[in-house]
């Protein structure tokens, strides 16, 4: 989205970036984290885990560390930490 002007505090706000970690053996391939990621950081992998599901993989470095994927995951198979 393009704004017609910039907010006054643009220089003061630091954008937090995150790093996504996925525990492949816990994942059951529901896809909630992929579907509801606001930055579309995840996608299904082509490999199978030990349960026979396709776990997600990180496709870009656009994570904002919102922890939304953690909240949605029914198996607690994904988490994010603040990147350096």
PDB file of N, CA and C in Angstrom:
ATOM      1  N   UNK A   1       0.844  -1.170   0.000  1.00  0.00           N
ATOM      2  CA  UNK A   1       0.000   0.000   0.000  1.00  0.00           C
ATOM      3  C   UNK A   1       0.889   1.233   0.000  1.00  0.00           C
ATOM      4  N   UNK A   2       0.566   2.179  -0.805  1.00  0.00           N
ATOM      5  CA  UNK A   2       1.331   3.415  -0.887  1.00  0.00           C
ATOM      6  C   UNK A   2       0.540   4.524  -0.211  1.00  0.00           C
ATOM      7  N   UNK A   3       1.209   5.203   0.703  1.00  0.00           N
ATOM      8  CA  UNK A   3       0.573   6.292   1.438  1.00  0.00           C
ATOM      9  C   UNK A   3       0.881   7.623   0.769  1.00  0.00           C
ATOM     10  N   UNK A   4       0.015   8.573   0.933  1.00  0.00           N
ATOM     11  CA  UNK A   4       0.223   9.875   0.314  1.00  0.00           C
ATOM     12  C   UNK A   4       1.174  10.739   1.124  1.00  0.00           C
ATOM     13  N   UNK A   5       1.464  10.318   2.381  1.00  0.00           N
ATOM     14  CA  UNK A   5       2.470  10.992   3.189  1.00  0.00           C
ATOM     15  C   UNK A   5       3.030   9.999   4.201  1.00  0.00           C
ATOM     16  N   UNK A   6       4.175  10.295   4.760  1.00  0.00           N
ATOM     17  CA  UNK A   6       4.817   9.417   5.735  1.00  0.00           C
ATOM     18  C   UNK A   6       4.414   9.839   7.145  1.00  0.00           C
ATOM     19  N   UNK A   7       4.242   8.882   8.058  1.00  0.00           N
ATOM     20  CA  UNK A   7       3.957   9.240   9.449  1.00  0.00           C
ATOM     21  C   UNK A   7       5.107  10.039  10.058  1.00  0.00           C
ATOM     22  N   UNK A   8       4.797  10.860  11.052  1.00  0.00           N
ATOM     23  CA  UNK A   8       5.809  11.739  11.638  1.00  0.00           C
ATOM     24  C   UNK A   8       6.874  10.976  12.422  1.00  0.00           C
ATOM     25  N   UNK A   9       6.550   9.815  12.964  1.00  0.00           N
ATOM     26  CA  UNK A   9       7.505   9.066  13.790  1.00  0.00           C
ATOM     27  C   UNK A   9       8.136   7.887  13.045  1.00  0.00           C
ATOM     28  N   UNK A  10       8.240   7.947  11.741  1.00  0.00           N
ATOM     29  CA  UNK A  10       8.806   6.864  10.948  1.00  0.00           C
ATOM     30  C   UNK A  10      10.257   6.583  11.317  1.00  0.00           C
ATOM     31  N   UNK A  11      11.026   7.620  11.587  1.00  0.00           N
ATOM     32  CA  UNK A  11      12.442   7.440  11.915  1.00  0.00           C
ATOM     33  C   UNK A  11      12.648   6.855  13.309  1.00  0.00           C
ATOM     34  N   UNK A  12      11.681   6.990  14.197  1.00  0.00           N
ATOM     35  CA  UNK A  12      11.828   6.548  15.581  1.00  0.00           C
ATOM     36  C   UNK A  12      11.429   5.081  15.782  1.00  0.00           C
ATOM     37  N   UNK A  13      10.638   4.524  14.898  1.00  0.00           N
ATOM     38  CA  UNK A  13      10.126   3.169  15.073  1.00  0.00           C
ATOM     39  C   UNK A  13      11.101   2.174  14.447  1.00  0.00           C
ATOM     40  N   UNK A  14      11.537   1.240  15.258  1.00  0.00           N
ATOM     41  CA  UNK A  14      12.437   0.186  14.771  1.00  0.00           C
ATOM     42  C   UNK A  14      11.604  -1.044  14.420  1.00  0.00           C
ATOM     43  N   UNK A  15      11.797  -1.569  13.235  1.00  0.00           N
ATOM     44  CA  UNK A  15      11.073  -2.754  12.800  1.00  0.00           C
ATOM     45  C   UNK A  15      11.793  -3.980  13.339  1.00  0.00           C
ATOM     46  N   UNK A  16      11.068  -4.800  14.094  1.00  0.00           N
ATOM     47  CA  UNK A  16      11.641  -5.999  14.685  1.00  0.00           C
ATOM     48  C   UNK A  16      11.560  -7.132  13.672  1.00  0.00           C
ATOM     49  N   UNK A  17      12.644  -7.829  13.496  1.00  0.00           N
ATOM     50  CA  UNK A  17      12.679  -8.985  12.591  1.00  0.00           C
ATOM     51  C   UNK A  17      12.782 -10.247  13.427  1.00  0.00           C
ATOM     52  N   UNK A  18      12.301 -11.342  12.861  1.00  0.00           N
ATOM     53  CA  UNK A  18      12.325 -12.601  13.582  1.00  0.00           C
ATOM     54  C   UNK A  18      12.940 -13.721  12.770  1.00  0.00           C
ATOM     55  N   UNK A  19      13.254 -14.799  13.459  1.00  0.00           N
ATOM     56  CA  UNK A  19      13.771 -16.001  12.827  1.00  0.00           C
ATOM     57  C   UNK A  19      12.845 -17.143  13.215  1.00  0.00           C
ATOM     58  N   UNK A  20      12.373 -17.881  12.216  1.00  0.00           N
ATOM     59  CA  UNK A  20      11.392 -18.947  12.423  1.00  0.00           C
ATOM     60  C   UNK A  20      12.115 -20.274  12.600  1.00  0.00           C
ATOM     61  N   UNK A  21      11.717 -21.023  13.626  1.00  0.00           N
ATOM     62  CA  UNK A  21      12.231 -22.367  13.864  1.00  0.00           C
ATOM     63  C   UNK A  21      11.063 -23.345  13.811  1.00  0.00           C
ATOM     64  N   UNK A  22      11.260 -24.452  13.119  1.00  0.00           N
ATOM     65  CA  UNK A  22      10.208 -25.452  12.940  1.00  0.00           C
ATOM     66  C   UNK A  22      10.724 -26.798  13.451  1.00  0.00           C
ATOM     67  N   UNK A  23       9.948 -27.431  14.312  1.00  0.00           N
ATOM     68  CA  UNK A  23      10.270 -28.770  14.796  1.00  0.00           C
ATOM     69  C   UNK A  23       9.537 -29.745  13.873  1.00  0.00           C
ATOM     70  N   UNK A  24      10.252 -30.261  12.886  1.00  0.00           N
ATOM     71  CA  UNK A  24       9.636 -31.056  11.819  1.00  0.00           C
ATOM     72  C   UNK A  24       8.927 -32.304  12.331  1.00  0.00           C
ATOM     73  N   UNK A  25       9.472 -32.964  13.335  1.00  0.00           N
ATOM     74  CA  UNK A  25       8.879 -34.218  13.803  1.00  0.00           C
ATOM     75  C   UNK A  25       7.571 -34.019  14.562  1.00  0.00           C
ATOM     76  N   UNK A  26       7.292 -32.819  15.043  1.00  0.00           N
ATOM     77  CA  UNK A  26       6.025 -32.540  15.721  1.00  0.00           C
ATOM     78  C   UNK A  26       4.914 -32.138  14.751  1.00  0.00           C
ATOM     79  N   UNK A  27       5.278 -31.636  13.593  1.00  0.00           N
ATOM     80  CA  UNK A  27       4.312 -31.063  12.653  1.00  0.00           C
ATOM     81  C   UNK A  27       3.390 -32.136  12.077  1.00  0.00           C
ATOM     82  N   UNK A  28       2.102 -31.805  11.985  1.00  0.00           N
ATOM     83  CA  UNK A  28       1.144 -32.725  11.367  1.00  0.00           C
ATOM     84  C   UNK A  28       0.628 -32.201  10.028  1.00  0.00           C
ATOM     85  N   UNK A  29       1.254 -31.148   9.507  1.00  0.00           N
ATOM     86  CA  UNK A  29       0.951 -30.664   8.167  1.00  0.00           C
ATOM     87  C   UNK A  29      -0.388 -29.992   7.999  1.00  0.00           C
ATOM     88  N   UNK A  30      -0.909 -29.361   9.038  1.00  0.00           N
ATOM     89  CA  UNK A  30      -2.227 -28.722   8.929  1.00  0.00           C
ATOM     90  C   UNK A  30      -2.192 -27.476   8.043  1.00  0.00           C
ATOM     91  N   UNK A  31      -1.074 -26.758   8.023  1.00  0.00           N
ATOM     92  CA  UNK A  31      -0.939 -25.589   7.165  1.00  0.00           C
ATOM     93  C   UNK A  31      -1.481 -24.301   7.735  1.00  0.00           C
ATOM     94  N   UNK A  32      -1.875 -24.274   9.002  1.00  0.00           N
ATOM     95  CA  UNK A  32      -2.390 -23.047   9.602  1.00  0.00           C
ATOM     96  C   UNK A  32      -1.331 -21.944   9.596  1.00  0.00           C
ATOM     97  N   UNK A  33      -0.106 -22.309   9.906  1.00  0.00           N
ATOM     98  CA  UNK A  33       0.962 -21.306   9.952  1.00  0.00           C
ATOM     99  C   UNK A  33       1.224 -20.715   8.569  1.00  0.00           C
ATOM    100  N   UNK A  34       1.095 -21.522   7.551  1.00  0.00           N
ATOM    101  CA  UNK A  34       1.320 -21.055   6.179  1.00  0.00           C
ATOM    102  C   UNK A  34       0.163 -20.170   5.717  1.00  0.00           C
ATOM    103  N   UNK A  35      -1.034 -20.597   5.998  1.00  0.00           N
ATOM    104  CA  UNK A  35      -2.227 -19.897   5.527  1.00  0.00           C
ATOM    105  C   UNK A  35      -2.404 -18.524   6.173  1.00  0.00           C
ATOM    106  N   UNK A  36      -2.095 -18.416   7.465  1.00  0.00           N
ATOM    107  CA  UNK A  36      -2.405 -17.191   8.193  1.00  0.00           C
ATOM    108  C   UNK A  36      -1.207 -16.310   8.495  1.00  0.00           C
ATOM    109  N   UNK A  37      -0.051 -16.615   7.939  1.00  0.00           N
ATOM    110  CA  UNK A  37       1.127 -15.764   8.131  1.00  0.00           C
ATOM    111  C   UNK A  37       0.892 -14.432   7.416  1.00  0.00           C
ATOM    112  N   UNK A  38       0.970 -13.313   8.129  1.00  0.00           N
ATOM    113  CA  UNK A  38       0.701 -12.029   7.483  1.00  0.00           C
ATOM    114  C   UNK A  38       1.750 -11.624   6.451  1.00  0.00           C
ATOM    115  N   UNK A  39       2.957 -12.166   6.523  1.00  0.00           N
ATOM    116  CA  UNK A  39       4.021 -11.809   5.588  1.00  0.00           C
ATOM    117  C   UNK A  39       4.324 -12.913   4.582  1.00  0.00           C
ATOM    118  N   UNK A  40       3.575 -14.011   4.612  1.00  0.00           N
ATOM    119  CA  UNK A  40       3.744 -15.150   3.699  1.00  0.00           C
ATOM    120  C   UNK A  40       5.189 -15.639   3.686  1.00  0.00           C
ATOM    121  N   UNK A  41       5.708 -15.914   4.862  1.00  0.00           N
ATOM    122  CA  UNK A  41       7.093 -16.330   5.037  1.00  0.00           C
ATOM    123  C   UNK A  41       7.260 -17.839   4.831  1.00  0.00           C
ATOM    124  N   UNK A  42       6.207 -18.616   5.035  1.00  0.00           N
ATOM    125  CA  UNK A  42       6.304 -20.075   5.021  1.00  0.00           C
ATOM    126  C   UNK A  42       5.654 -20.687   3.785  1.00  0.00           C
ATOM    127  N   UNK A  43       6.087 -21.903   3.470  1.00  0.00           N
ATOM    128  CA  UNK A  43       5.474 -22.709   2.423  1.00  0.00           C
ATOM    129  C   UNK A  43       5.662 -24.175   2.770  1.00  0.00           C
ATOM    130  N   UNK A  44       4.876 -25.063   2.141  1.00  0.00           N
ATOM    131  CA  UNK A  44       5.023 -26.490   2.382  1.00  0.00           C
ATOM    132  C   UNK A  44       6.318 -26.993   1.759  1.00  0.00           C
ATOM    133  N   UNK A  45       6.991 -27.900   2.454  1.00  0.00           N
ATOM    134  CA  UNK A  45       8.200 -28.498   1.897  1.00  0.00           C
ATOM    135  C   UNK A  45       7.822 -29.688   1.023  1.00  0.00           C
ATOM    136  N   UNK A  46       8.762 -30.140   0.246  1.00  0.00           N
ATOM    137  CA  UNK A  46       8.543 -31.306  -0.597  1.00  0.00           C
ATOM    138  C   UNK A  46       8.931 -32.597   0.117  1.00  0.00           C
ATOM    139  N   UNK A  47       9.592 -32.488   1.268  1.00  0.00           N
ATOM    140  CA  UNK A  47      10.028 -33.641   2.035  1.00  0.00           C
ATOM    141  C   UNK A  47       8.977 -34.031   3.069  1.00  0.00           C
ATOM    142  N   UNK A  48       9.040 -35.264   3.518  1.00  0.00           N
ATOM    143  CA  UNK A  48       8.134 -35.779   4.542  1.00  0.00           C
ATOM    144  C   UNK A  48       8.849 -35.813   5.889  1.00  0.00           C
ATOM    145  N   UNK A  49       8.082 -35.648   6.974  1.00  0.00           N
ATOM    146  CA  UNK A  49       8.652 -35.861   8.299  1.00  0.00           C
ATOM    147  C   UNK A  49       8.400 -37.313   8.716  1.00  0.00           C
ATOM    148  N   UNK A  50       8.719 -37.685   9.954  1.00  0.00           N
ATOM    149  CA  UNK A  50       8.581 -39.083  10.366  1.00  0.00           C
ATOM    150  C   UNK A  50       7.122 -39.520  10.473  1.00  0.00           C
ATOM    151  N   UNK A  51       6.194 -38.565  10.577  1.00  0.00           N
ATOM    152  CA  UNK A  51       4.766 -38.890  10.626  1.00  0.00           C
ATOM    153  C   UNK A  51       4.161 -39.035   9.230  1.00  0.00           C
ATOM    154  N   UNK A  52       4.897 -38.615   8.205  1.00  0.00           N
ATOM    155  CA  UNK A  52       4.404 -38.714   6.842  1.00  0.00           C
ATOM    156  C   UNK A  52       3.736 -37.464   6.322  1.00  0.00           C
ATOM    157  N   UNK A  53       3.942 -36.329   6.984  1.00  0.00           N
ATOM    158  CA  UNK A  53       3.350 -35.058   6.571  1.00  0.00           C
ATOM    159  C   UNK A  53       4.418 -34.156   5.958  1.00  0.00           C
ATOM    160  N   UNK A  54       3.959 -33.162   5.217  1.00  0.00           N
ATOM    161  CA  UNK A  54       4.851 -32.144   4.665  1.00  0.00           C
ATOM    162  C   UNK A  54       4.909 -30.971   5.650  1.00  0.00           C
ATOM    163  N   UNK A  55       6.005 -30.803   6.382  1.00  0.00           N
ATOM    164  CA  UNK A  55       6.100 -29.662   7.302  1.00  0.00           C
ATOM    165  C   UNK A  55       6.410 -28.376   6.529  1.00  0.00           C
ATOM    166  N   UNK A  56       6.190 -27.226   7.137  1.00  0.00           N
ATOM    167  CA  UNK A  56       6.512 -25.967   6.454  1.00  0.00           C
ATOM    168  C   UNK A  56       8.010 -25.697   6.448  1.00  0.00           C
ATOM    169  N   UNK A  57       8.429 -24.875   5.518  1.00  0.00           N
ATOM    170  CA  UNK A  57       9.803 -24.376   5.460  1.00  0.00           C
ATOM    171  C   UNK A  57       9.749 -22.869   5.259  1.00  0.00           C
ATOM    172  N   UNK A  58      10.806 -22.202   5.639  1.00  0.00           N
ATOM    173  CA  UNK A  58      10.896 -20.748   5.490  1.00  0.00           C
ATOM    174  C   UNK A  58      11.320 -20.443   4.062  1.00  0.00           C
ATOM    175  N   UNK A  59      10.532 -19.599   3.380  1.00  0.00           N
ATOM    176  CA  UNK A  59      10.860 -19.266   1.990  1.00  0.00           C
ATOM    177  C   UNK A  59      11.427 -17.867   1.838  1.00  0.00           C
ATOM    178  N   UNK A  60      11.273 -17.004   2.859  1.00  0.00           N
ATOM    179  CA  UNK A  60      11.835 -15.654   2.777  1.00  0.00           C
ATOM    180  C   UNK A  60      12.216 -15.172   4.171  1.00  0.00           C
ATOM    181  N   UNK A  61      12.942 -14.073   4.225  1.00  0.00           N
ATOM    182  CA  UNK A  61      13.400 -13.508   5.494  1.00  0.00           C
ATOM    183  C   UNK A  61      12.518 -12.358   5.961  1.00  0.00           C
ATOM    184  N   UNK A  62      11.252 -12.395   5.666  1.00  0.00           N
ATOM    185  CA  UNK A  62      10.363 -11.286   5.981  1.00  0.00           C
ATOM    186  C   UNK A  62       9.630 -11.397   7.300  1.00  0.00           C
ATOM    187  N   UNK A  63      10.049 -12.283   8.188  1.00  0.00           N
ATOM    188  CA  UNK A  63       9.340 -12.495   9.456  1.00  0.00           C
ATOM    189  C   UNK A  63       9.425 -11.251  10.333  1.00  0.00           C
ATOM    190  N   UNK A  64       8.288 -10.845  10.884  1.00  0.00           N
ATOM    191  CA  UNK A  64       8.224  -9.683  11.765  1.00  0.00           C
ATOM    192  C   UNK A  64       8.170 -10.061  13.235  1.00  0.00           C
ATOM    193  N   UNK A  65       8.336 -11.341  13.540  1.00  0.00           N
ATOM    194  CA  UNK A  65       8.335 -11.853  14.909  1.00  0.00           C
ATOM    195  C   UNK A  65       7.009 -11.540  15.614  1.00  0.00           C
ATOM    196  N   UNK A  66       5.903 -11.736  14.926  1.00  0.00           N
ATOM    197  CA  UNK A  66       4.587 -11.459  15.503  1.00  0.00           C
ATOM    198  C   UNK A  66       4.072 -12.618  16.364  1.00  0.00           C
ATOM    199  N   UNK A  67       4.691 -13.778  16.267  1.00  0.00           N
ATOM    200  CA  UNK A  67       4.341 -14.982  17.034  1.00  0.00           C
ATOM    201  C   UNK A  67       2.963 -15.533  16.677  1.00  0.00           C
ATOM    202  N   UNK A  68       2.404 -15.103  15.580  1.00  0.00           N
ATOM    203  CA  UNK A  68       1.073 -15.572  15.196  1.00  0.00           C
ATOM    204  C   UNK A  68       1.095 -17.057  14.825  1.00  0.00           C
ATOM    205  N   UNK A  69       2.157 -17.497  14.180  1.00  0.00           N
ATOM    206  CA  UNK A  69       2.270 -18.912  13.822  1.00  0.00           C
ATOM    207  C   UNK A  69       2.337 -19.783  15.076  1.00  0.00           C
ATOM    208  N   UNK A  70       2.973 -19.283  16.132  1.00  0.00           N
ATOM    209  CA  UNK A  70       3.051 -20.026  17.392  1.00  0.00           C
ATOM    210  C   UNK A  70       1.666 -20.191  18.011  1.00  0.00           C
ATOM    211  N   UNK A  71       0.871 -19.151  17.948  1.00  0.00           N
ATOM    212  CA  UNK A  71      -0.457 -19.192  18.541  1.00  0.00           C
ATOM    213  C   UNK A  71      -1.392 -20.140  17.794  1.00  0.00           C
ATOM    214  N   UNK A  72      -1.217 -20.256  16.493  1.00  0.00           N
ATOM    215  CA  UNK A  72      -2.106 -21.072  15.673  1.00  0.00           C
ATOM    216  C   UNK A  72      -1.740 -22.551  15.657  1.00  0.00           C
ATOM    217  N   UNK A  73      -0.486 -22.885  15.893  1.00  0.00           N
ATOM    218  CA  UNK A  73      -0.019 -24.266  15.744  1.00  0.00           C
ATOM    219  C   UNK A  73      -0.605 -25.157  16.840  1.00  0.00           C
ATOM    220  N   UNK A  74      -1.413 -26.156  16.475  1.00  0.00           N
ATOM    221  CA  UNK A  74      -1.998 -27.041  17.486  1.00  0.00           C
ATOM    222  C   UNK A  74      -0.997 -28.021  18.083  1.00  0.00           C
ATOM    223  N   UNK A  75       0.128 -28.225  17.443  1.00  0.00           N
ATOM    224  CA  UNK A  75       1.123 -29.193  17.910  1.00  0.00           C
ATOM    225  C   UNK A  75       2.351 -28.526  18.526  1.00  0.00           C
ATOM    226  N   UNK A  76       2.376 -27.194  18.624  1.00  0.00           N
ATOM    227  CA  UNK A  76       3.512 -26.435  19.159  1.00  0.00           C
ATOM    228  C   UNK A  76       4.801 -26.799  18.414  1.00  0.00           C
ATOM    229  N   UNK A  77       4.718 -26.867  17.101  1.00  0.00           N
ATOM    230  CA  UNK A  77       5.837 -27.291  16.276  1.00  0.00           C
ATOM    231  C   UNK A  77       6.596 -26.128  15.655  1.00  0.00           C
ATOM    232  N   UNK A  78       6.226 -24.908  15.969  1.00  0.00           N
ATOM    233  CA  UNK A  78       6.867 -23.746  15.356  1.00  0.00           C
ATOM    234  C   UNK A  78       7.013 -22.652  16.401  1.00  0.00           C
ATOM    235  N   UNK A  79       8.124 -21.933  16.324  1.00  0.00           N
ATOM    236  CA  UNK A  79       8.322 -20.789  17.203  1.00  0.00           C
ATOM    237  C   UNK A  79       9.249 -19.795  16.532  1.00  0.00           C
ATOM    238  N   UNK A  80       9.206 -18.562  17.004  1.00  0.00           N
ATOM    239  CA  UNK A  80      10.038 -17.509  16.445  1.00  0.00           C
ATOM    240  C   UNK A  80      10.826 -16.838  17.566  1.00  0.00           C
ATOM    241  N   UNK A  81      11.992 -16.337  17.223  1.00  0.00           N
ATOM    242  CA  UNK A  81      12.812 -15.557  18.139  1.00  0.00           C
ATOM    243  C   UNK A  81      13.233 -14.288  17.417  1.00  0.00           C
ATOM    244  N   UNK A  82      13.584 -13.280  18.194  1.00  0.00           N
ATOM    245  CA  UNK A  82      14.005 -12.014  17.599  1.00  0.00           C
ATOM    246  C   UNK A  82      15.371 -12.181  16.949  1.00  0.00           C
ATOM    247  N   UNK A  83      15.491 -11.739  15.723  1.00  0.00           N
ATOM    248  CA  UNK A  83      16.748 -11.841  14.984  1.00  0.00           C
ATOM    249  C   UNK A  83      17.688 -10.714  15.398  1.00  0.00           C
ATOM    250  N   UNK A  84      18.956 -10.950  15.243  1.00  0.00           N
ATOM    251  CA  UNK A  84      19.952  -9.930  15.592  1.00  0.00           C
ATOM    252  C   UNK A  84      20.055  -8.877  14.518  1.00  0.00           C
TER     253      UNK A  84
END
